[in-house]
N, C-alpha and C. Protein backbone atom coordinates (compact mmCIF):
# COMPACT_ATOMS: atom_id res chain seq x y z
N UNK A 1 163.97 104.03 206.07
CA UNK A 1 164.71 105.27 206.21
C UNK A 1 166.04 105.14 205.48
N UNK A 2 166.39 106.16 204.74
CA UNK A 2 167.62 106.21 203.97
C UNK A 2 168.79 106.44 204.91
N UNK A 3 169.72 105.51 204.98
CA UNK A 3 170.85 105.64 205.88
C UNK A 3 171.90 106.62 205.38
N UNK A 4 171.79 107.08 204.13
CA UNK A 4 172.77 108.04 203.63
C UNK A 4 172.43 109.47 204.03
N UNK A 5 171.26 109.69 204.62
CA UNK A 5 170.88 111.00 205.14
C UNK A 5 170.77 110.89 206.65
N UNK A 6 171.59 111.67 207.33
CA UNK A 6 171.63 111.64 208.79
C UNK A 6 171.13 112.97 209.33
N UNK A 7 170.55 112.93 210.51
CA UNK A 7 170.03 114.13 211.16
C UNK A 7 170.67 114.28 212.53
N UNK A 8 171.68 115.15 212.65
CA UNK A 8 172.28 115.38 213.97
C UNK A 8 171.25 115.99 214.91
N UNK A 9 171.45 115.78 216.19
CA UNK A 9 170.53 116.30 217.20
C UNK A 9 170.87 117.77 217.46
N UNK A 10 170.52 118.62 216.49
CA UNK A 10 170.79 120.05 216.61
C UNK A 10 169.67 120.81 215.92
N UNK A 11 169.04 121.70 216.66
CA UNK A 11 168.01 122.54 216.09
C UNK A 11 168.07 123.91 216.76
N UNK A 12 167.80 124.93 215.97
CA UNK A 12 167.86 126.31 216.45
C UNK A 12 166.63 127.06 215.98
N UNK A 13 166.19 128.00 216.79
CA UNK A 13 165.07 128.86 216.42
C UNK A 13 165.61 130.04 215.61
N UNK A 14 165.04 130.28 214.45
CA UNK A 14 165.41 131.42 213.61
C UNK A 14 164.29 132.45 213.73
N UNK A 15 164.56 133.49 214.49
CA UNK A 15 163.55 134.51 214.78
C UNK A 15 163.07 135.20 213.51
N UNK A 16 163.99 135.53 212.62
CA UNK A 16 163.62 136.23 211.39
C UNK A 16 162.67 135.41 210.52
N UNK A 17 162.93 134.12 210.42
CA UNK A 17 162.11 133.24 209.58
C UNK A 17 160.90 132.68 210.32
N UNK A 18 160.88 132.86 211.66
CA UNK A 18 159.84 132.25 212.50
C UNK A 18 159.77 130.76 212.20
N UNK A 19 160.96 130.13 212.27
CA UNK A 19 161.09 128.72 211.91
C UNK A 19 162.20 128.07 212.73
N UNK A 20 162.10 126.76 212.86
CA UNK A 20 163.18 125.98 213.46
C UNK A 20 164.07 125.50 212.33
N UNK A 21 165.37 125.71 212.49
CA UNK A 21 166.35 125.21 211.54
C UNK A 21 166.96 123.95 212.14
N UNK A 22 167.00 122.89 211.34
CA UNK A 22 167.68 121.68 211.76
C UNK A 22 168.54 121.20 210.61
N UNK A 23 169.53 120.39 210.92
CA UNK A 23 170.50 119.98 209.92
C UNK A 23 170.26 118.55 209.45
N UNK A 24 170.58 118.36 208.20
CA UNK A 24 170.65 117.01 207.62
C UNK A 24 172.05 116.89 207.03
N UNK A 25 172.55 115.69 207.01
CA UNK A 25 173.86 115.45 206.43
C UNK A 25 173.72 114.37 205.38
N UNK A 26 174.16 114.69 204.16
CA UNK A 26 174.11 113.74 203.06
C UNK A 26 175.47 113.75 202.37
N UNK A 27 176.10 112.60 202.31
CA UNK A 27 177.41 112.46 201.67
C UNK A 27 178.39 113.51 202.19
N UNK A 28 178.36 113.77 203.48
CA UNK A 28 179.28 114.71 204.10
C UNK A 28 178.86 116.16 204.03
N UNK A 29 177.87 116.49 203.22
CA UNK A 29 177.41 117.87 203.09
C UNK A 29 176.31 118.16 204.11
N UNK A 30 176.40 119.33 204.75
CA UNK A 30 175.36 119.75 205.67
C UNK A 30 174.29 120.52 204.91
N UNK A 31 173.05 120.17 205.18
CA UNK A 31 171.91 120.81 204.53
C UNK A 31 171.05 121.43 205.63
N UNK A 32 170.81 122.74 205.52
CA UNK A 32 169.94 123.41 206.47
C UNK A 32 168.49 123.19 206.06
N UNK A 33 167.71 122.69 207.01
CA UNK A 33 166.29 122.45 206.78
C UNK A 33 165.50 123.37 207.72
N UNK A 34 164.38 123.87 207.25
CA UNK A 34 163.58 124.79 208.04
C UNK A 34 162.14 124.30 208.09
N UNK A 35 161.52 124.49 209.25
CA UNK A 35 160.09 124.23 209.39
C UNK A 35 159.49 125.44 210.12
N UNK A 36 158.50 126.04 209.49
CA UNK A 36 157.86 127.25 210.02
C UNK A 36 157.01 126.93 211.25
N UNK A 37 156.83 127.94 212.08
CA UNK A 37 156.08 127.80 213.33
C UNK A 37 154.65 127.31 213.08
N UNK A 38 154.00 127.81 212.03
CA UNK A 38 152.62 127.38 211.78
C UNK A 38 152.55 125.90 211.41
N UNK A 39 153.53 125.41 210.68
CA UNK A 39 153.58 123.98 210.32
C UNK A 39 153.83 123.15 211.57
N UNK A 40 154.74 123.62 212.43
CA UNK A 40 155.00 122.92 213.69
C UNK A 40 153.73 122.83 214.53
N UNK A 41 153.01 123.94 214.61
CA UNK A 41 151.77 123.96 215.38
C UNK A 41 150.75 122.99 214.83
N UNK A 42 150.64 122.95 213.50
CA UNK A 42 149.68 122.03 212.87
C UNK A 42 150.05 120.58 213.18
N UNK A 43 151.32 120.26 213.12
CA UNK A 43 151.75 118.89 213.41
C UNK A 43 151.61 118.52 214.88
N UNK A 44 151.92 119.49 215.76
CA UNK A 44 151.87 119.22 217.19
C UNK A 44 150.47 119.33 217.78
N UNK A 45 149.59 120.06 217.09
CA UNK A 45 148.21 120.19 217.56
C UNK A 45 147.98 121.36 218.50
N UNK A 46 148.89 122.33 218.48
CA UNK A 46 148.68 123.53 219.29
C UNK A 46 149.38 124.72 218.63
N UNK A 47 149.04 125.91 219.09
CA UNK A 47 149.60 127.13 218.52
C UNK A 47 151.03 127.32 219.01
N UNK A 48 151.92 127.58 218.08
CA UNK A 48 153.33 127.84 218.40
C UNK A 48 153.55 129.34 218.28
N UNK A 49 153.81 129.97 219.43
CA UNK A 49 153.91 131.43 219.44
C UNK A 49 155.29 131.95 219.83
N UNK A 50 156.19 131.07 220.28
CA UNK A 50 157.51 131.55 220.69
C UNK A 50 158.55 130.44 220.51
N UNK A 51 159.79 130.80 220.79
CA UNK A 51 160.92 129.89 220.62
C UNK A 51 160.73 128.59 221.41
N UNK A 52 160.37 128.71 222.67
CA UNK A 52 160.23 127.53 223.52
C UNK A 52 159.16 126.58 222.98
N UNK A 53 158.01 127.12 222.61
CA UNK A 53 156.94 126.29 222.06
C UNK A 53 157.37 125.65 220.74
N UNK A 54 158.11 126.39 219.93
CA UNK A 54 158.56 125.86 218.64
C UNK A 54 159.53 124.70 218.84
N UNK A 55 160.48 124.87 219.75
CA UNK A 55 161.46 123.79 219.99
C UNK A 55 160.80 122.57 220.63
N UNK A 56 159.82 122.81 221.50
CA UNK A 56 159.07 121.68 222.09
C UNK A 56 158.28 120.94 221.01
N UNK A 57 157.61 121.69 220.15
CA UNK A 57 156.84 121.07 219.07
C UNK A 57 157.77 120.29 218.13
N UNK A 58 158.94 120.86 217.85
CA UNK A 58 159.91 120.16 217.00
C UNK A 58 160.30 118.83 217.64
N UNK A 59 160.60 118.84 218.93
CA UNK A 59 160.98 117.60 219.63
C UNK A 59 159.86 116.57 219.55
N UNK A 60 158.62 117.01 219.71
CA UNK A 60 157.49 116.08 219.66
C UNK A 60 157.30 115.48 218.28
N UNK A 61 157.63 116.23 217.25
CA UNK A 61 157.36 115.81 215.86
C UNK A 61 158.64 115.47 215.09
N UNK A 62 159.75 115.35 215.79
CA UNK A 62 161.05 115.16 215.14
C UNK A 62 161.04 114.04 214.10
N UNK A 63 160.55 112.87 214.46
CA UNK A 63 160.58 111.74 213.54
C UNK A 63 159.83 112.06 212.24
N UNK A 64 158.63 112.63 212.37
CA UNK A 64 157.84 112.97 211.18
C UNK A 64 158.53 114.04 210.34
N UNK A 65 159.12 115.03 211.01
CA UNK A 65 159.80 116.11 210.28
C UNK A 65 161.04 115.59 209.55
N UNK A 66 161.77 114.68 210.18
CA UNK A 66 162.94 114.09 209.52
C UNK A 66 162.52 113.26 208.31
N UNK A 67 161.42 112.56 208.43
CA UNK A 67 160.91 111.79 207.29
C UNK A 67 160.54 112.72 206.12
N UNK A 68 159.85 113.81 206.43
CA UNK A 68 159.48 114.78 205.39
C UNK A 68 160.72 115.41 204.76
N UNK A 69 161.67 115.79 205.59
CA UNK A 69 162.90 116.40 205.08
C UNK A 69 163.67 115.41 204.20
N UNK A 70 163.72 114.16 204.63
CA UNK A 70 164.40 113.13 203.85
C UNK A 70 163.79 112.99 202.45
N UNK A 71 162.46 112.99 202.38
CA UNK A 71 161.78 112.90 201.09
C UNK A 71 162.12 114.10 200.20
N UNK A 72 162.12 115.29 200.79
CA UNK A 72 162.42 116.50 200.02
C UNK A 72 163.87 116.50 199.54
N UNK A 73 164.78 116.05 200.39
CA UNK A 73 166.19 115.98 200.00
C UNK A 73 166.38 114.98 198.87
N UNK A 74 165.75 113.81 198.99
CA UNK A 74 165.86 112.80 197.94
C UNK A 74 165.29 113.31 196.62
N UNK A 75 164.25 114.16 196.69
CA UNK A 75 163.65 114.74 195.47
C UNK A 75 164.37 116.01 195.03
N UNK A 76 165.48 116.34 195.72
CA UNK A 76 166.30 117.51 195.40
C UNK A 76 165.49 118.81 195.40
N UNK A 77 164.65 118.96 196.39
CA UNK A 77 163.80 120.15 196.53
C UNK A 77 164.52 121.21 197.37
N UNK A 78 165.57 121.79 196.79
CA UNK A 78 166.36 122.81 197.46
C UNK A 78 166.02 124.18 196.91
N UNK A 79 166.21 125.22 197.73
CA UNK A 79 166.05 126.57 197.21
C UNK A 79 167.39 127.02 196.61
N UNK A 80 167.47 128.27 196.20
CA UNK A 80 168.68 128.76 195.51
C UNK A 80 169.91 128.77 196.43
N UNK A 81 169.68 128.70 197.74
CA UNK A 81 170.79 128.66 198.70
C UNK A 81 171.16 127.25 199.11
N UNK A 82 170.51 126.27 198.50
CA UNK A 82 170.80 124.87 198.84
C UNK A 82 170.18 124.42 200.14
N UNK A 83 169.10 125.11 200.55
CA UNK A 83 168.41 124.75 201.80
C UNK A 83 167.16 123.98 201.49
């Protein structure tokens, strides 16, 4: 695991995006990362239909999601908003 990328224990449900937003920190910069409900469901093994289920699935899969986000950040896979 790359020690220059940190993941604070903070995640929020984004109703508009139907995704959980979590933060990564690299060289002092905060990076918003998103994982859609369907991806969370696939990783957790059940259907994610609401905020509570999404946040529970995120908690269950946190390590794997942080690993995926770390790889994407290292590959500079950002959108036009730097997310």
